[in-house]
Each structure stands twice: as structure tokens, then as C-alpha cells.
Protein backbone atom coordinates (compact mmCIF):
# COMPACT_ATOMS: atom_id res chain seq x y z
CA MET A 1 2.99 10.76 -14.90
CA THR A 2 3.80 12.06 -11.51
CA ALA A 3 5.68 10.28 -8.96
CA TYR A 4 4.10 10.77 -5.15
CA PHE A 5 5.34 9.19 -2.00
CA GLY A 6 2.41 8.65 0.01
CA ASP A 7 2.90 8.91 4.05
CA SER A 8 0.59 7.24 6.00
CA SER A 9 -1.72 10.56 6.92
CA ALA A 10 -2.12 10.61 3.33
CA LEU A 11 -3.05 6.90 2.87
CA VAL A 12 -5.59 6.91 5.40
CA LYS A 13 -7.14 9.69 3.74
CA TRP A 14 -7.98 7.49 0.70
CA TYR A 15 -9.60 4.91 2.74
CA ILE A 16 -11.18 7.25 5.51
CA SER A 17 -13.13 10.20 4.11
CA GLU A 18 -11.37 13.26 5.85
CA THR A 19 -9.93 16.87 4.97
CA GLY A 20 -7.96 16.02 1.86
CA SER A 21 -9.39 13.11 1.07
CA ALA A 22 -10.54 14.51 -2.59
CA TRP A 23 -7.11 15.43 -3.46
CA VAL A 24 -5.49 12.16 -2.51
CA GLN A 25 -8.36 9.94 -4.23
CA GLN A 26 -7.41 12.14 -7.53
CA ILE A 27 -3.76 11.34 -7.52
CA THR A 28 -3.91 7.73 -6.51
CA ASP A 29 -6.46 7.19 -9.14
CA PRO A 30 -5.14 4.43 -11.50
CA GLN A 31 -6.19 6.40 -14.61
CA THR A 32 -3.92 8.98 -14.04
CA GLY A 33 -0.61 6.80 -14.34
CA ASN A 34 0.80 8.32 -11.14
CA LEU A 35 3.58 6.51 -9.62
CA LEU A 36 2.62 5.95 -6.03
CA PHE A 37 5.50 5.28 -3.49
CA ILE A 38 5.16 4.15 0.36
CA ALA A 39 7.41 2.81 2.90
CA ARG A 40 7.17 -0.48 4.00
CA ILE A 41 6.45 0.75 7.46
CA THR A 42 3.37 2.48 6.05
CA TRP A 43 1.28 -0.64 6.63
CA VAL A 44 1.95 -0.62 10.33
CA GLU A 45 1.26 2.88 10.41
CA VAL A 46 -1.98 2.81 8.62
CA ILE A 47 -3.31 -0.11 10.51
CA SER A 48 -2.59 2.06 13.59
CA ALA A 49 -4.31 4.95 12.17
CA PHE A 50 -7.52 2.72 11.81
CA ALA A 51 -7.24 0.97 15.12
CA ARG A 52 -7.04 4.62 16.88
CA ARG A 53 -10.16 5.83 15.01
CA GLN A 54 -11.81 2.81 16.31
CA ARG A 55 -10.92 3.17 20.00
CA GLU A 56 -11.74 7.06 19.53
CA GLY A 57 -15.17 5.74 18.55
CA SER A 58 -15.10 7.47 14.85
CA LEU A 59 -15.17 3.98 13.34
CA THR A 60 -16.64 0.99 14.07
CA PHE A 61 -15.11 -2.54 14.03
CA ALA A 62 -16.75 -3.56 10.95
CA ASP A 63 -15.57 -0.13 9.22
CA VAL A 64 -11.97 -1.14 10.32
CA ALA A 65 -12.37 -4.42 9.06
CA GLN A 66 -13.54 -3.20 5.87
CA VAL A 67 -10.60 -0.46 5.51
CA ILE A 68 -8.09 -3.38 6.33
CA GLN A 69 -9.24 -5.64 3.61
CA GLU A 70 -9.21 -2.77 1.07
CA PHE A 71 -5.59 -2.04 2.33
CA ARG A 72 -4.29 -5.59 2.26
CA ASP A 73 -3.02 -5.60 -1.19
CA PHE A 74 -1.31 -2.48 -0.83
CA ASN A 75 1.85 -4.42 -2.12
CA THR A 76 -0.05 -4.25 -5.90
CA GLN A 77 -1.53 -0.61 -5.34
CA TYR A 78 1.71 1.06 -4.50
CA GLN A 79 5.28 0.91 -5.06
CA VAL A 80 6.79 -0.51 -1.78
CA ILE A 81 10.37 0.78 -1.09
CA GLU A 82 12.82 -0.02 1.70
CA LEU A 83 13.88 3.02 3.75
CA GLU A 84 17.18 3.19 5.60
CA ASN A 85 19.28 5.07 7.76
């Protein structure tokens, strides 16, 4: 078991296929038993990235709605931590 901290760019790769997606999906596979930590602010950053992709035309409204629905349970998929100064 290994612990990983996923920033927003890594999490986007889990939901949207792009360079690096296979590696992110491999380490986040529940069968690995890896601990996956994200910052609470990651929710906002990932949703923003999905919206940007829609504005740029690489995702449709339906695509964004689907990935947001999948990401909605981030509190159960990841260990959410608070970051302080």
C-alpha cells in the first residue's frame, strides 16, 4: 500500500482520458489498496477544469454532467484533507 496526494490535474486524468490517465487510473484502482489524499479545494479546481474543457469544445455539456456526477462522491473515494498556511 502506498499513499498518494492527488492534485486537480491528476484527478482530471482519472475522469477524462489524456496523457497520464492510464497511470492515474492504475494507482487509484481500489484493488491496489493505495491511500488517496486530496485537498478539499480540489473539488472546485476539478469542476473548473471540466468547465474549461466544455468552453474550449473538447467536452460537451452531457460529458461534463456525466463526469461531475462521477466525481460527486469524492468524499468517499478519497481522503479529503484541509490545507492550512
